[in-house]
Amino acid sequence: LEPGDEVVTRDGATVVVSAGAVLFLLGAEMDFRTDKLSSQFVFANPNEKASCGCGESVTLEPARAG
């Protein structure tokens, strides 16, 4: 861990968010879903401005102070 890192623990899972990424993740939701073909983490991020169809590339904008 580095100074300023955020540590979030919920339902037995712990996620560490670096201080530099916090503004890009404010308001984001993470879920783990299992269906017939896969088990994966799924993210809903209101700061996402664009993404590719494969899920490998995303463009984020930092959250604005409100």
C-alpha atoms as a PDB file:
ATOM      1  CA  LEU A   1       0.000   0.000   0.000  1.00  0.00           C
ATOM      2  CA  GLU A   2       1.056   3.546  -0.740  1.00  0.00           C
ATOM      3  CA  PRO A   3       0.042   6.689   1.157  1.00  0.00           C
ATOM      4  CA  GLY A   4      -3.349   7.898  -0.076  1.00  0.00           C
ATOM      5  CA  ASP A   5      -4.493   4.503  -1.399  1.00  0.00           C
ATOM      6  CA  GLU A   6      -8.147   3.640  -0.706  1.00  0.00           C
ATOM      7  CA  VAL A   7      -8.953   0.178   0.673  1.00  0.00           C
ATOM      8  CA  VAL A   8     -12.515  -1.065   0.216  1.00  0.00           C
ATOM      9  CA  THR A   9     -13.697  -4.345   1.756  1.00  0.00           C
ATOM     10  CA  ARG A  10     -17.155  -5.765   1.115  1.00  0.00           C
ATOM     11  CA  ASP A  11     -18.628  -9.264   1.154  1.00  0.00           C
ATOM     12  CA  GLY A  12     -15.218 -10.807   1.834  1.00  0.00           C
ATOM     13  CA  ALA A  13     -13.432  -9.101  -1.076  1.00  0.00           C
ATOM     14  CA  THR A  14     -10.834  -6.358  -0.680  1.00  0.00           C
ATOM     15  CA  VAL A  15      -9.975  -3.874  -3.433  1.00  0.00           C
ATOM     16  CA  VAL A  16      -7.112  -1.372  -3.254  1.00  0.00           C
ATOM     17  CA  VAL A  17      -7.486   1.786  -5.350  1.00  0.00           C
ATOM     18  CA  SER A  18      -4.380   3.888  -5.936  1.00  0.00           C
ATOM     19  CA  ALA A  19      -4.621   7.549  -4.952  1.00  0.00           C
ATOM     20  CA  GLY A  20      -4.162   8.594  -8.604  1.00  0.00           C
ATOM     21  CA  ALA A  21      -7.172   6.559  -9.743  1.00  0.00           C
ATOM     22  CA  VAL A  22      -9.705   7.696  -7.146  1.00  0.00           C
ATOM     23  CA  LEU A  23     -11.095  10.631  -9.193  1.00  0.00           C
ATOM     24  CA  PHE A  24     -11.657   8.302 -12.154  1.00  0.00           C
ATOM     25  CA  LEU A  25     -13.593   5.806 -10.046  1.00  0.00           C
ATOM     26  CA  LEU A  26     -15.893   8.029  -7.966  1.00  0.00           C
ATOM     27  CA  GLY A  27     -19.431   6.728  -8.392  1.00  0.00           C
ATOM     28  CA  ALA A  28     -18.281   3.499 -10.072  1.00  0.00           C
ATOM     29  CA  GLU A  29     -19.918   0.185  -9.186  1.00  0.00           C
ATOM     30  CA  MET A  30     -18.236  -3.210  -9.419  1.00  0.00           C
ATOM     31  CA  ASP A  31     -20.090  -6.511  -9.471  1.00  0.00           C
ATOM     32  CA  PHE A  32     -19.155 -10.150 -10.027  1.00  0.00           C
ATOM     33  CA  ARG A  33     -21.481 -12.038 -12.357  1.00  0.00           C
ATOM     34  CA  THR A  34     -21.673 -15.662 -13.387  1.00  0.00           C
ATOM     35  CA  ASP A  35     -23.694 -16.856 -16.373  1.00  0.00           C
ATOM     36  CA  LYS A  36     -23.676 -19.920 -18.621  1.00  0.00           C
ATOM     37  CA  LEU A  37     -20.491 -18.917 -20.451  1.00  0.00           C
ATOM     38  CA  SER A  38     -18.399 -16.893 -18.006  1.00  0.00           C
ATOM     39  CA  SER A  39     -17.685 -15.560 -14.539  1.00  0.00           C
ATOM     40  CA  GLN A  40     -16.350 -12.024 -14.516  1.00  0.00           C
ATOM     41  CA  PHE A  41     -16.125  -8.660 -12.811  1.00  0.00           C
ATOM     42  CA  VAL A  42     -18.476  -6.104 -14.360  1.00  0.00           C
ATOM     43  CA  PHE A  43     -17.977  -2.355 -13.928  1.00  0.00           C
ATOM     44  CA  ALA A  44     -20.483   0.482 -14.264  1.00  0.00           C
ATOM     45  CA  ASN A  45     -18.569   3.765 -14.235  1.00  0.00           C
ATOM     46  CA  PRO A  46     -20.331   7.123 -14.749  1.00  0.00           C
ATOM     47  CA  ASN A  47     -16.937   8.626 -15.647  1.00  0.00           C
ATOM     48  CA  GLU A  48     -16.580   6.382 -18.717  1.00  0.00           C
ATOM     49  CA  LYS A  49     -16.715   8.416 -21.916  1.00  0.00           C
ATOM     50  CA  ALA A  50     -15.886   5.722 -24.504  1.00  0.00           C
ATOM     51  CA  SER A  51     -14.993   2.034 -24.685  1.00  0.00           C
ATOM     52  CA  CYS A  52     -14.218  -0.593 -27.299  1.00  0.00           C
ATOM     53  CA  GLY A  53     -16.466  -3.579 -27.878  1.00  0.00           C
ATOM     54  CA  CYS A  54     -13.966  -6.073 -26.456  1.00  0.00           C
ATOM     55  CA  GLY A  55     -13.821  -4.440 -23.010  1.00  0.00           C
ATOM     56  CA  GLU A  56     -10.039  -4.018 -23.096  1.00  0.00           C
ATOM     57  CA  SER A  57      -9.896  -0.268 -23.748  1.00  0.00           C
ATOM     58  CA  VAL A  58     -11.759   2.531 -22.005  1.00  0.00           C
ATOM     59  CA  THR A  59     -11.597   6.331 -21.890  1.00  0.00           C
ATOM     60  CA  LEU A  60     -12.331   7.925 -18.508  1.00  0.00           C
ATOM     61  CA  GLU A  61     -12.818  11.505 -17.396  1.00  0.00           C
ATOM     62  CA  PRO A  62     -12.088  12.492 -13.785  1.00  0.00           C
ATOM     63  CA  ALA A  63     -15.116  13.228 -11.602  1.00  0.00           C
ATOM     64  CA  ARG A  64     -15.843  16.900 -11.112  1.00  0.00           C
ATOM     65  CA  ALA A  65     -16.054  18.480  -7.687  1.00  0.00           C
ATOM     66  CA  GLY A  66     -19.676  19.116  -6.898  1.00  0.00           C
END
